[in-house]
Amino acid sequence: MDKLISNFYKCLLLLACLSMLAAFGSIMLGVIARQAHWDIQGLDAYAGYSIAATLFLALPETFRQGDHIRVTLLLQKLPARARTVLEYWSLGAGVALSLYVAWFACRLAWISWVTHDVSSSADATPLWIPQLSMVLGCIGFAVSFIDALAARLNAREFFRVPPVGEMAHIE
């Protein structure tokens, strides 16, 4: 099961990378089009959709890598018992909030699909299409919080943070 979930995170991260490349391509095409006096309808909207997709799709793997803001300075100062309680509370709250956000994202995409909602820009893209990346990212984020809580309950490591001495050296 761990391998399946890990592959899910990696798949979402790959999609985030592709979305970042799509954003870069859209922006570069827009620059070239302006220089050539072309008018490509909706190009700015597609760049925005790609950037949003990148952000949402990268959430689960970013969380697993420990790159989200966590208050470890506070945790290190607490006694072991208080630290454990705070970690469980934080992970439980994260599960609850991420499940709510995932439910809301699914509901938003569903309503956009049912009502045939389209973007207000000239391209008139059906909004459920770019919202799918938000749905996938939010579901992945909720899964990653559940995975982190399960790892904590089973006394196994979830966060893949290298020790301080092994941080990447920037030259």
Foldseek 3Di string as FASTA:
>chain_A
DVVVLVVLLVVLQVLLVVLQVQLVVLVVVVVVCVVVVHDDFPSVVSSVLSNVLNVLSNQLVCVQQVVDDDPVVVLVPDDPVVSLVVVLVVLVVQLVVLVVQLVVLVVVLVVLVVVVQFDPTPVRHSVSVSSVSNNSSSVSSSVSSVVCNVCVVVVHRRHNYDPPVPPDDDD
